[in-house]
Amino acid sequence: TMSEAAVAGGDWRKSIAQSYRSGQVRSIAEELATFEPGASADSKKMLAMKFEDSIFKAASSMDDYRKIIDKKINKLKKHYAKKGGVDEENKDLIREKELLFQKAIRDEYGAKLMYIAKHADRAVQVTRMTSGEQKAKVLKDHCDSLKKRALQLGVQIDGEAPLPRLNHDMAFLTQLKASLDTIVDTVRSHVVKVEDANLFLEEQLDSADKKLLNSKNSNILRKALQDAADADNSTQQLTTDQMKLLTDLMNVPSPIPRRNQDADQVRAALSRIEKMRASTQAILTYCGLTAEEKTSFPGSLKKCSAILKENLLALGK
């Protein structure tokens, strides 16, 4: 059984950081809130904690833990969707559910849709110059379509007159959300890449970090790094102790040089170079950790990138 498998391979739980589990509880509570909007925040959190804990104890691995959570949440979604569409006969209650669902979609996608609408024109213009008319047209069509969907949801778009309040039924809203789930993040990524390269890099690093929490991905990358180190006779250590050491080194404050003191300038520059070296090694070390070990160093790729950027800019001044 699953519980017996978990006991046999129970060591995986010991390396999961509590902060990672807390994040899962928050996500579960947010999902539960869409099913029972009237429930209190405390009750939703308590239910989410029990939900997560039962899966954590039963799962046979970190991947199994994540898969079971997703599977059970999706099962609840189907249950509540069916209940809302079939069992509920009171029109006022049905309308209230529709309004709550519409608000949930607006809360999830409103900010992203506003960003796309705000920067769409420039993104299309740059795409036309760099990739040609056809790709620019495709991007424009997607942006225009998403702008219309935003207005249908009641999202305020600068320069656009709001649509009259529309009574969307659950079937329309479900279809709308499915469409947004499919395309919003892809279109926004194209727009962000043009408008804000730093934000684009941060989001790509966040995405990479999440993918590396998959045990299969981590194991493939870990083996590749170990093989490369062996081939080069490298002494690079892919351990949590090494990661902690490098994290401490890259967070050491750089000395502030006194004015007109060349020796101080040299010391400050060397300190920043050392921080950059530690950050670069930390990226490699982090990539070489197991998925479970990575949970003790959340957001490491983005943190290392920020330190590299900060110190490169400082050295260039």
C-alpha atoms as a PDB file:
ATOM      1  CA  THR A   1       0.000   0.000   0.000  1.00  0.00           C
ATOM      2  CA  MET A   2       0.964   3.668  -0.220  1.00  0.00           C
ATOM      3  CA  SER A   3       1.503   3.965   3.537  1.00  0.00           C
ATOM      4  CA  GLU A   4       3.739   0.867   3.566  1.00  0.00           C
ATOM      5  CA  ALA A   5       5.777   2.327   0.720  1.00  0.00           C
ATOM      6  CA  ALA A   6       6.086   5.541   2.651  1.00  0.00           C
ATOM      7  CA  VAL A   7       7.451   3.712   5.691  1.00  0.00           C
ATOM      8  CA  ALA A   8       9.944   1.829   3.547  1.00  0.00           C
ATOM      9  CA  GLY A   9      11.243   5.016   1.978  1.00  0.00           C
ATOM     10  CA  GLY A  10      10.419   7.354   4.827  1.00  0.00           C
ATOM     11  CA  ASP A  11      13.756   9.144   4.813  1.00  0.00           C
ATOM     12  CA  TRP A  12      12.536  11.558   2.107  1.00  0.00           C
ATOM     13  CA  ARG A  13      10.355  13.443   4.621  1.00  0.00           C
ATOM     14  CA  LYS A  14      13.269  14.391   6.858  1.00  0.00           C
ATOM     15  CA  SER A  15      14.832  16.598   4.194  1.00  0.00           C
ATOM     16  CA  ILE A  16      11.635  18.583   3.402  1.00  0.00           C
ATOM     17  CA  ALA A  17      11.813  22.093   4.859  1.00  0.00           C
ATOM     18  CA  GLN A  18       8.816  23.173   6.956  1.00  0.00           C
ATOM     19  CA  SER A  19       8.634  26.404   4.928  1.00  0.00           C
ATOM     20  CA  TYR A  20       7.922  24.323   1.814  1.00  0.00           C
ATOM     21  CA  ARG A  21       5.102  22.445   3.533  1.00  0.00           C
ATOM     22  CA  SER A  22       3.674  25.723   4.846  1.00  0.00           C
ATOM     23  CA  GLY A  23       3.602  27.034   1.289  1.00  0.00           C
ATOM     24  CA  GLN A  24       1.664  23.942   0.197  1.00  0.00           C
ATOM     25  CA  VAL A  25      -0.825  24.489   3.039  1.00  0.00           C
ATOM     26  CA  ARG A  26      -1.393  28.099   1.931  1.00  0.00           C
ATOM     27  CA  SER A  27      -1.996  26.986  -1.662  1.00  0.00           C
ATOM     28  CA  ILE A  28      -4.449  24.315  -0.537  1.00  0.00           C
ATOM     29  CA  ALA A  29      -6.293  26.826   1.666  1.00  0.00           C
ATOM     30  CA  GLU A  30      -6.629  29.189  -1.306  1.00  0.00           C
ATOM     31  CA  GLU A  31      -8.111  26.385  -3.399  1.00  0.00           C
ATOM     32  CA  LEU A  32     -10.529  25.433  -0.612  1.00  0.00           C
ATOM     33  CA  ALA A  33     -11.641  29.062  -0.399  1.00  0.00           C
ATOM     34  CA  THR A  34     -12.980  28.859  -3.963  1.00  0.00           C
ATOM     35  CA  PHE A  35     -15.110  25.842  -3.017  1.00  0.00           C
ATOM     36  CA  GLU A  36     -16.570  27.249   0.214  1.00  0.00           C
ATOM     37  CA  PRO A  37     -16.378  31.068   0.030  1.00  0.00           C
ATOM     38  CA  GLY A  38     -18.406  31.477   3.223  1.00  0.00           C
ATOM     39  CA  ALA A  39     -16.019  29.505   5.435  1.00  0.00           C
ATOM     40  CA  SER A  40     -13.734  31.394   7.829  1.00  0.00           C
ATOM     41  CA  ALA A  41     -10.028  31.792   7.139  1.00  0.00           C
ATOM     42  CA  ASP A  42      -9.150  29.813  10.286  1.00  0.00           C
ATOM     43  CA  SER A  43     -11.361  26.874   9.342  1.00  0.00           C
ATOM     44  CA  LYS A  44      -9.942  26.775   5.824  1.00  0.00           C
ATOM     45  CA  LYS A  45      -6.381  26.851   7.163  1.00  0.00           C
ATOM     46  CA  MET A  46      -7.123  24.082   9.682  1.00  0.00           C
ATOM     47  CA  LEU A  47      -8.709  21.913   7.000  1.00  0.00           C
ATOM     48  CA  ALA A  48      -5.789  22.584   4.648  1.00  0.00           C
ATOM     49  CA  MET A  49      -3.277  21.585   7.357  1.00  0.00           C
ATOM     50  CA  LYS A  50      -5.088  18.293   7.994  1.00  0.00           C
ATOM     51  CA  PHE A  51      -5.402  17.697   4.246  1.00  0.00           C
ATOM     52  CA  GLU A  52      -1.675  18.295   3.652  1.00  0.00           C
ATOM     53  CA  ASP A  53      -0.533  16.329   6.716  1.00  0.00           C
ATOM     54  CA  SER A  54      -2.494  13.206   5.757  1.00  0.00           C
ATOM     55  CA  ILE A  55      -0.963  13.243   2.276  1.00  0.00           C
ATOM     56  CA  PHE A  56       2.535  13.966   3.623  1.00  0.00           C
ATOM     57  CA  LYS A  57       2.321  10.925   5.905  1.00  0.00           C
ATOM     58  CA  ALA A  58       0.922   8.628   3.205  1.00  0.00           C
ATOM     59  CA  ALA A  59       3.057   9.638   0.216  1.00  0.00           C
ATOM     60  CA  SER A  60       5.971   7.449  -0.823  1.00  0.00           C
ATOM     61  CA  SER A  61       8.140  10.275  -2.185  1.00  0.00           C
ATOM     62  CA  MET A  62       8.160  14.016  -2.759  1.00  0.00           C
ATOM     63  CA  ASP A  63       6.842  13.552  -6.308  1.00  0.00           C
ATOM     64  CA  ASP A  64       4.100  11.263  -4.993  1.00  0.00           C
ATOM     65  CA  TYR A  65       3.218  13.892  -2.353  1.00  0.00           C
ATOM     66  CA  ARG A  66       2.823  16.616  -5.001  1.00  0.00           C
ATOM     67  CA  LYS A  67       0.869  14.336  -7.370  1.00  0.00           C
ATOM     68  CA  ILE A  68      -1.620  13.267  -4.673  1.00  0.00           C
ATOM     69  CA  ILE A  69      -2.269  16.888  -3.676  1.00  0.00           C
ATOM     70  CA  ASP A  70      -2.959  17.852  -7.298  1.00  0.00           C
ATOM     71  CA  LYS A  71      -5.152  14.786  -7.839  1.00  0.00           C
ATOM     72  CA  LYS A  72      -7.291  15.377  -4.751  1.00  0.00           C
ATOM     73  CA  ILE A  73      -7.694  19.106  -5.461  1.00  0.00           C
ATOM     74  CA  ASN A  74      -8.795  18.344  -9.030  1.00  0.00           C
ATOM     75  CA  LYS A  75     -11.263  15.765  -7.708  1.00  0.00           C
ATOM     76  CA  LEU A  76     -12.742  18.379  -5.349  1.00  0.00           C
ATOM     77  CA  LYS A  77     -13.025  20.869  -8.221  1.00  0.00           C
ATOM     78  CA  LYS A  78     -15.028  18.382 -10.280  1.00  0.00           C
ATOM     79  CA  HIS A  79     -17.248  17.557  -7.310  1.00  0.00           C
ATOM     80  CA  TYR A  80     -18.094  21.173  -6.543  1.00  0.00           C
ATOM     81  CA  ALA A  81     -18.561  22.049 -10.213  1.00  0.00           C
ATOM     82  CA  LYS A  82     -21.076  19.219 -10.564  1.00  0.00           C
ATOM     83  CA  LYS A  83     -22.811  20.157  -7.336  1.00  0.00           C
ATOM     84  CA  GLY A  84     -23.091  23.784  -8.387  1.00  0.00           C
ATOM     85  CA  GLY A  85     -24.431  22.899 -11.830  1.00  0.00           C
ATOM     86  CA  VAL A  86     -26.882  20.140 -10.916  1.00  0.00           C
ATOM     87  CA  ASP A  87     -28.009  20.201  -7.295  1.00  0.00           C
ATOM     88  CA  GLU A  88     -28.431  23.927  -6.697  1.00  0.00           C
ATOM     89  CA  GLU A  89     -31.942  25.001  -7.594  1.00  0.00           C
ATOM     90  CA  ASN A  90     -32.144  28.387  -5.904  1.00  0.00           C
ATOM     91  CA  LYS A  91     -31.441  31.025  -8.561  1.00  0.00           C
ATOM     92  CA  ASP A  92     -30.100  33.565  -6.072  1.00  0.00           C
ATOM     93  CA  LEU A  93     -27.589  31.092  -4.722  1.00  0.00           C
ATOM     94  CA  ILE A  94     -26.595  30.051  -8.240  1.00  0.00           C
ATOM     95  CA  ARG A  95     -26.036  33.687  -9.182  1.00  0.00           C
ATOM     96  CA  GLU A  96     -23.999  34.248  -6.021  1.00  0.00           C
ATOM     97  CA  LYS A  97     -21.774  31.303  -6.947  1.00  0.00           C
ATOM     98  CA  GLU A  98     -21.328  32.701 -10.448  1.00  0.00           C
ATOM     99  CA  LEU A  99     -20.341  36.119  -9.080  1.00  0.00           C
ATOM    100  CA  LEU A 100     -17.896  34.535  -6.634  1.00  0.00           C
ATOM    101  CA  PHE A 101     -16.380  32.428  -9.417  1.00  0.00           C
ATOM    102  CA  GLN A 102     -16.096  35.503 -11.640  1.00  0.00           C
ATOM    103  CA  LYS A 103     -14.357  37.370  -8.806  1.00  0.00           C
ATOM    104  CA  ALA A 104     -11.983  34.431  -8.278  1.00  0.00           C
ATOM    105  CA  ILE A 105     -11.039  34.491 -11.980  1.00  0.00           C
ATOM    106  CA  ARG A 106     -10.595  38.275 -11.852  1.00  0.00           C
ATOM    107  CA  ASP A 107      -8.395  38.001  -8.743  1.00  0.00           C
ATOM    108  CA  GLU A 108      -6.250  35.317 -10.398  1.00  0.00           C
ATOM    109  CA  TYR A 109      -5.822  36.959 -13.783  1.00  0.00           C
ATOM    110  CA  GLY A 110      -6.745  40.639 -13.387  1.00  0.00           C
ATOM    111  CA  ALA A 111      -3.233  41.967 -12.763  1.00  0.00           C
ATOM    112  CA  LYS A 112      -1.765  39.856 -15.587  1.00  0.00           C
ATOM    113  CA  LEU A 113      -4.436  41.035 -18.040  1.00  0.00           C
ATOM    114  CA  MET A 114      -3.878  44.674 -17.047  1.00  0.00           C
ATOM    115  CA  TYR A 115      -0.131  44.280 -17.625  1.00  0.00           C
ATOM    116  CA  ILE A 116      -0.713  42.769 -21.078  1.00  0.00           C
ATOM    117  CA  ALA A 117      -3.143  45.537 -22.046  1.00  0.00           C
ATOM    118  CA  LYS A 118      -0.813  48.277 -20.804  1.00  0.00           C
ATOM    119  CA  HIS A 119       2.275  47.101 -22.696  1.00  0.00           C
ATOM    120  CA  ALA A 120       0.738  45.287 -25.679  1.00  0.00           C
ATOM    121  CA  ASP A 121       1.327  48.050 -28.240  1.00  0.00           C
ATOM    122  CA  ARG A 122       5.055  48.297 -27.561  1.00  0.00           C
ATOM    123  CA  ALA A 123       5.437  44.522 -27.425  1.00  0.00           C
ATOM    124  CA  VAL A 124       3.761  44.192 -30.830  1.00  0.00           C
ATOM    125  CA  GLN A 125       5.912  46.988 -32.255  1.00  0.00           C
ATOM    126  CA  VAL A 126       9.167  45.416 -31.057  1.00  0.00           C
ATOM    127  CA  THR A 127       8.052  41.971 -32.239  1.00  0.00           C
ATOM    128  CA  ARG A 128       7.340  43.405 -35.691  1.00  0.00           C
ATOM    129  CA  MET A 129      10.878  44.847 -35.876  1.00  0.00           C
ATOM    130  CA  THR A 130      12.649  41.755 -34.549  1.00  0.00           C
ATOM    131  CA  SER A 131      10.529  38.843 -35.770  1.00  0.00           C
ATOM    132  CA  GLY A 132       8.440  40.087 -38.678  1.00  0.00           C
ATOM    133  CA  GLU A 133       4.863  41.039 -39.452  1.00  0.00           C
ATOM    134  CA  GLN A 134       3.333  37.570 -39.081  1.00  0.00           C
ATOM    135  CA  LYS A 135       4.499  37.007 -35.488  1.00  0.00           C
ATOM    136  CA  ALA A 136       3.546  40.580 -34.594  1.00  0.00           C
ATOM    137  CA  LYS A 137       0.039  39.960 -35.928  1.00  0.00           C
ATOM    138  CA  VAL A 138      -0.335  36.756 -33.919  1.00  0.00           C
ATOM    139  CA  LEU A 139       0.757  38.556 -30.742  1.00  0.00           C
ATOM    140  CA  LYS A 140      -1.597  41.477 -31.438  1.00  0.00           C
ATOM    141  CA  ASP A 141      -4.544  39.142 -32.002  1.00  0.00           C
ATOM    142  CA  HIS A 142      -3.852  37.381 -28.698  1.00  0.00           C
ATOM    143  CA  CYS A 143      -3.475  40.688 -26.829  1.00  0.00           C
ATOM    144  CA  ASP A 144      -6.701  42.087 -28.312  1.00  0.00           C
ATOM    145  CA  SER A 145      -8.570  38.896 -27.432  1.00  0.00           C
ATOM    146  CA  LEU A 146      -7.294  38.959 -23.843  1.00  0.00           C
ATOM    147  CA  LYS A 147      -8.190  42.652 -23.518  1.00  0.00           C
ATOM    148  CA  LYS A 148     -11.778  41.779 -24.468  1.00  0.00           C
ATOM    149  CA  ARG A 149     -11.856  38.948 -21.922  1.00  0.00           C
ATOM    150  CA  ALA A 150     -10.515  41.325 -19.263  1.00  0.00           C
ATOM    151  CA  LEU A 151     -13.357  43.758 -19.909  1.00  0.00           C
ATOM    152  CA  GLN A 152     -15.867  40.899 -19.774  1.00  0.00           C
ATOM    153  CA  LEU A 153     -14.563  40.081 -16.295  1.00  0.00           C
ATOM    154  CA  GLY A 154     -14.899  43.685 -15.168  1.00  0.00           C
ATOM    155  CA  VAL A 155     -11.159  44.410 -15.147  1.00  0.00           C
ATOM    156  CA  GLN A 156     -10.449  48.130 -15.524  1.00  0.00           C
ATOM    157  CA  ILE A 157      -8.266  48.805 -18.567  1.00  0.00           C
ATOM    158  CA  ASP A 158      -6.771  52.283 -19.059  1.00  0.00           C
ATOM    159  CA  GLY A 159      -8.261  54.031 -22.072  1.00  0.00           C
ATOM    160  CA  GLU A 160     -11.054  51.476 -22.481  1.00  0.00           C
ATOM    161  CA  ALA A 161     -14.703  52.069 -21.595  1.00  0.00           C
ATOM    162  CA  PRO A 162     -15.916  49.349 -19.200  1.00  0.00           C
ATOM    163  CA  LEU A 163     -18.491  46.926 -20.558  1.00  0.00           C
ATOM    164  CA  PRO A 164     -21.940  46.904 -18.938  1.00  0.00           C
ATOM    165  CA  ARG A 165     -22.235  44.376 -16.120  1.00  0.00           C
ATOM    166  CA  LEU A 166     -22.903  41.044 -17.795  1.00  0.00           C
ATOM    167  CA  ASN A 167     -24.638  38.084 -16.183  1.00  0.00           C
ATOM    168  CA  HIS A 168     -22.250  35.315 -17.178  1.00  0.00           C
ATOM    169  CA  ASP A 169     -23.413  31.836 -16.294  1.00  0.00           C
ATOM    170  CA  MET A 170     -21.160  29.145 -14.864  1.00  0.00           C
ATOM    171  CA  ALA A 171     -20.692  27.418 -18.222  1.00  0.00           C
ATOM    172  CA  PHE A 172     -19.412  30.623 -19.830  1.00  0.00           C
ATOM    173  CA  LEU A 173     -17.131  31.390 -16.874  1.00  0.00           C
ATOM    174  CA  THR A 174     -15.739  27.848 -16.843  1.00  0.00           C
ATOM    175  CA  GLN A 175     -14.949  28.092 -20.554  1.00  0.00           C
ATOM    176  CA  LEU A 176     -13.449  31.556 -20.067  1.00  0.00           C
ATOM    177  CA  LYS A 177     -11.185  30.351 -17.272  1.00  0.00           C
ATOM    178  CA  ALA A 178     -10.058  27.357 -19.343  1.00  0.00           C
ATOM    179  CA  SER A 179      -9.112  29.755 -22.150  1.00  0.00           C
ATOM    180  CA  LEU A 180      -7.228  32.037 -19.766  1.00  0.00           C
ATOM    181  CA  ASP A 181      -5.429  29.072 -18.187  1.00  0.00           C
ATOM    182  CA  THR A 182      -4.165  28.096 -21.629  1.00  0.00           C
ATOM    183  CA  ILE A 183      -2.884  31.399 -22.982  1.00  0.00           C
ATOM    184  CA  VAL A 184      -2.462  34.209 -20.421  1.00  0.00           C
ATOM    185  CA  ASP A 185       0.927  33.231 -19.026  1.00  0.00           C
ATOM    186  CA  THR A 186       2.387  32.588 -22.489  1.00  0.00           C
ATOM    187  CA  VAL A 187       1.250  35.946 -23.887  1.00  0.00           C
ATOM    188  CA  ARG A 188       2.301  37.814 -20.749  1.00  0.00           C
ATOM    189  CA  SER A 189       5.743  36.181 -20.931  1.00  0.00           C
ATOM    190  CA  HIS A 190       6.228  37.562 -24.468  1.00  0.00           C
ATOM    191  CA  VAL A 191       5.134  41.021 -23.361  1.00  0.00           C
ATOM    192  CA  VAL A 192       7.316  41.005 -20.226  1.00  0.00           C
ATOM    193  CA  LYS A 193      10.339  39.875 -22.245  1.00  0.00           C
ATOM    194  CA  VAL A 194      10.050  43.042 -24.336  1.00  0.00           C
ATOM    195  CA  GLU A 195       9.007  45.454 -21.607  1.00  0.00           C
ATOM    196  CA  ASP A 196      11.070  44.403 -18.588  1.00  0.00           C
ATOM    197  CA  ALA A 197      14.041  42.089 -19.138  1.00  0.00           C
ATOM    198  CA  ASN A 198      14.865  41.959 -15.420  1.00  0.00           C
ATOM    199  CA  LEU A 199      11.342  40.861 -14.481  1.00  0.00           C
ATOM    200  CA  PHE A 200      11.406  38.308 -17.305  1.00  0.00           C
ATOM    201  CA  LEU A 201      14.657  36.829 -15.960  1.00  0.00           C
ATOM    202  CA  GLU A 202      13.278  36.652 -12.407  1.00  0.00           C
ATOM    203  CA  GLU A 203      10.140  34.861 -13.556  1.00  0.00           C
ATOM    204  CA  GLN A 204      12.099  32.419 -15.708  1.00  0.00           C
ATOM    205  CA  LEU A 205      14.331  31.610 -12.731  1.00  0.00           C
ATOM    206  CA  ASP A 206      11.252  31.053 -10.554  1.00  0.00           C
ATOM    207  CA  SER A 207       9.884  28.695 -13.195  1.00  0.00           C
ATOM    208  CA  ALA A 208      13.183  26.824 -13.406  1.00  0.00           C
ATOM    209  CA  ASP A 209      13.276  26.541  -9.616  1.00  0.00           C
ATOM    210  CA  LYS A 210       9.841  24.904  -9.571  1.00  0.00           C
ATOM    211  CA  LYS A 211      10.845  22.446 -12.279  1.00  0.00           C
ATOM    212  CA  LEU A 212      13.952  21.504 -10.292  1.00  0.00           C
ATOM    213  CA  LEU A 213      11.739  20.470  -7.356  1.00  0.00           C
ATOM    214  CA  ASN A 214      10.705  17.511  -9.487  1.00  0.00           C
ATOM    215  CA  SER A 215      12.831  14.548  -8.405  1.00  0.00           C
ATOM    216  CA  LYS A 216      13.294  13.224 -11.945  1.00  0.00           C
ATOM    217  CA  ASN A 217      14.544  16.584 -13.235  1.00  0.00           C
ATOM    218  CA  SER A 218      16.847  17.045 -10.253  1.00  0.00           C
ATOM    219  CA  ASN A 219      18.327  13.577 -10.563  1.00  0.00           C
ATOM    220  CA  ILE A 220      19.101  14.028 -14.270  1.00  0.00           C
ATOM    221  CA  LEU A 221      20.811  17.374 -13.667  1.00  0.00           C
ATOM    222  CA  ARG A 222      22.652  16.098 -10.580  1.00  0.00           C
ATOM    223  CA  LYS A 223      24.082  13.142 -12.498  1.00  0.00           C
ATOM    224  CA  ALA A 224      25.158  15.385 -15.399  1.00  0.00           C
ATOM    225  CA  LEU A 225      26.979  17.747 -13.017  1.00  0.00           C
ATOM    226  CA  GLN A 226      28.634  14.872 -11.177  1.00  0.00           C
ATOM    227  CA  ASP A 227      29.789  13.296 -14.458  1.00  0.00           C
ATOM    228  CA  ALA A 228      31.178  16.629 -15.649  1.00  0.00           C
ATOM    229  CA  ALA A 229      33.014  17.125 -12.346  1.00  0.00           C
ATOM    230  CA  ASP A 230      34.508  13.631 -12.529  1.00  0.00           C
ATOM    231  CA  ALA A 231      35.657  14.191 -16.127  1.00  0.00           C
ATOM    232  CA  ASP A 232      37.382  17.466 -15.133  1.00  0.00           C
ATOM    233  CA  ASN A 233      38.747  16.051 -11.858  1.00  0.00           C
ATOM    234  CA  SER A 234      36.843  18.861 -10.158  1.00  0.00           C
ATOM    235  CA  THR A 235      36.502  19.082  -6.376  1.00  0.00           C
ATOM    236  CA  GLN A 236      33.083  20.763  -6.608  1.00  0.00           C
ATOM    237  CA  GLN A 237      30.915  19.494  -3.725  1.00  0.00           C
ATOM    238  CA  LEU A 238      27.184  19.095  -4.392  1.00  0.00           C
ATOM    239  CA  THR A 239      26.067  18.978  -0.755  1.00  0.00           C
ATOM    240  CA  THR A 240      23.820  20.966   1.554  1.00  0.00           C
ATOM    241  CA  ASP A 241      26.815  21.873   3.728  1.00  0.00           C
ATOM    242  CA  GLN A 242      28.581  23.371   0.708  1.00  0.00           C
ATOM    243  CA  MET A 243      25.402  25.243  -0.242  1.00  0.00           C
ATOM    244  CA  LYS A 244      25.142  26.730   3.257  1.00  0.00           C
ATOM    245  CA  LEU A 245      28.801  27.805   3.128  1.00  0.00           C
ATOM    246  CA  LEU A 246      28.382  29.472  -0.276  1.00  0.00           C
ATOM    247  CA  THR A 247      25.159  31.176   0.817  1.00  0.00           C
ATOM    248  CA  ASP A 248      26.992  32.682   3.792  1.00  0.00           C
ATOM    249  CA  LEU A 249      29.871  33.847   1.569  1.00  0.00           C
ATOM    250  CA  MET A 250      27.663  35.527  -1.006  1.00  0.00           C
ATOM    251  CA  ASN A 251      25.732  37.359   1.710  1.00  0.00           C
ATOM    252  CA  VAL A 252      28.815  38.827   3.417  1.00  0.00           C
ATOM    253  CA  PRO A 253      28.560  42.669   3.318  1.00  0.00           C
ATOM    254  CA  SER A 254      31.131  44.332   1.063  1.00  0.00           C
ATOM    255  CA  PRO A 255      33.323  46.987   2.754  1.00  0.00           C
ATOM    256  CA  ILE A 256      32.479  50.588   1.912  1.00  0.00           C
ATOM    257  CA  PRO A 257      35.633  52.266   0.550  1.00  0.00           C
ATOM    258  CA  ARG A 258      36.711  55.665   1.870  1.00  0.00           C
ATOM    259  CA  ARG A 259      36.970  58.466  -0.627  1.00  0.00           C
ATOM    260  CA  ASN A 260      40.314  58.739  -2.452  1.00  0.00           C
ATOM    261  CA  GLN A 261      41.620  55.573  -0.803  1.00  0.00           C
ATOM    262  CA  ASP A 262      42.841  53.251  -3.550  1.00  0.00           C
ATOM    263  CA  ALA A 263      43.508  50.370  -1.163  1.00  0.00           C
ATOM    264  CA  ASP A 264      39.904  50.528   0.060  1.00  0.00           C
ATOM    265  CA  GLN A 265      38.659  50.489  -3.527  1.00  0.00           C
ATOM    266  CA  VAL A 266      40.720  47.364  -4.237  1.00  0.00           C
ATOM    267  CA  ARG A 267      39.436  45.591  -1.091  1.00  0.00           C
ATOM    268  CA  ALA A 268      35.835  46.449  -1.945  1.00  0.00           C
ATOM    269  CA  ALA A 269      36.284  45.219  -5.529  1.00  0.00           C
ATOM    270  CA  LEU A 270      37.884  41.958  -4.368  1.00  0.00           C
ATOM    271  CA  SER A 271      35.037  41.448  -1.902  1.00  0.00           C
ATOM    272  CA  ARG A 272      32.469  41.854  -4.671  1.00  0.00           C
ATOM    273  CA  ILE A 273      34.370  39.480  -6.960  1.00  0.00           C
ATOM    274  CA  GLU A 274      34.405  36.898  -4.148  1.00  0.00           C
ATOM    275  CA  LYS A 275      30.637  37.295  -3.693  1.00  0.00           C
ATOM    276  CA  MET A 276      30.141  36.762  -7.433  1.00  0.00           C
ATOM    277  CA  ARG A 277      32.342  33.655  -7.344  1.00  0.00           C
ATOM    278  CA  ALA A 278      30.348  32.267  -4.413  1.00  0.00           C
ATOM    279  CA  SER A 279      27.054  33.027  -6.177  1.00  0.00           C
ATOM    280  CA  THR A 280      28.160  31.254  -9.357  1.00  0.00           C
ATOM    281  CA  GLN A 281      29.301  28.188  -7.406  1.00  0.00           C
ATOM    282  CA  ALA A 282      26.064  28.284  -5.392  1.00  0.00           C
ATOM    283  CA  ILE A 283      24.020  28.018  -8.592  1.00  0.00           C
ATOM    284  CA  LEU A 284      25.948  24.894  -9.632  1.00  0.00           C
ATOM    285  CA  THR A 285      25.752  23.406  -6.146  1.00  0.00           C
ATOM    286  CA  TYR A 286      22.018  24.106  -5.862  1.00  0.00           C
ATOM    287  CA  CYS A 287      21.382  22.469  -9.247  1.00  0.00           C
ATOM    288  CA  GLY A 288      23.300  19.410  -8.037  1.00  0.00           C
ATOM    289  CA  LEU A 289      21.204  18.910  -4.884  1.00  0.00           C
ATOM    290  CA  THR A 290      18.352  16.431  -4.707  1.00  0.00           C
ATOM    291  CA  ALA A 291      14.808  17.788  -4.998  1.00  0.00           C
ATOM    292  CA  GLU A 292      14.265  17.277  -1.266  1.00  0.00           C
ATOM    293  CA  GLU A 293      17.497  19.104  -0.390  1.00  0.00           C
ATOM    294  CA  LYS A 294      16.507  22.052  -2.583  1.00  0.00           C
ATOM    295  CA  THR A 295      13.471  22.763  -0.409  1.00  0.00           C
ATOM    296  CA  SER A 296      15.853  24.029   2.297  1.00  0.00           C
ATOM    297  CA  PHE A 297      17.093  26.763  -0.060  1.00  0.00           C
ATOM    298  CA  PRO A 298      13.945  28.291  -1.615  1.00  0.00           C
ATOM    299  CA  GLY A 299      14.409  30.809  -4.427  1.00  0.00           C
ATOM    300  CA  SER A 300      18.152  30.234  -4.654  1.00  0.00           C
ATOM    301  CA  LEU A 301      18.431  30.763  -8.418  1.00  0.00           C
ATOM    302  CA  LYS A 302      16.810  34.190  -8.193  1.00  0.00           C
ATOM    303  CA  LYS A 303      18.830  35.170  -5.117  1.00  0.00           C
ATOM    304  CA  CYS A 304      22.124  34.201  -6.756  1.00  0.00           C
ATOM    305  CA  SER A 305      21.181  36.080  -9.926  1.00  0.00           C
ATOM    306  CA  ALA A 306      20.339  39.208  -7.922  1.00  0.00           C
ATOM    307  CA  ILE A 307      23.701  39.142  -6.135  1.00  0.00           C
ATOM    308  CA  LEU A 308      25.565  38.674  -9.423  1.00  0.00           C
ATOM    309  CA  LYS A 309      23.734  41.597 -10.983  1.00  0.00           C
ATOM    310  CA  GLU A 310      24.195  43.854  -7.949  1.00  0.00           C
ATOM    311  CA  ASN A 311      27.940  43.294  -7.769  1.00  0.00           C
ATOM    312  CA  LEU A 312      28.509  43.520 -11.531  1.00  0.00           C
ATOM    313  CA  LEU A 313      26.808  46.918 -11.533  1.00  0.00           C
ATOM    314  CA  ALA A 314      28.862  48.040  -8.512  1.00  0.00           C
ATOM    315  CA  LEU A 315      32.124  46.993 -10.175  1.00  0.00           C
ATOM    316  CA  GLY A 316      31.167  48.866 -13.313  1.00  0.00           C
ATOM    317  CA  LYS A 317      30.779  52.185 -11.521  1.00  0.00           C
END
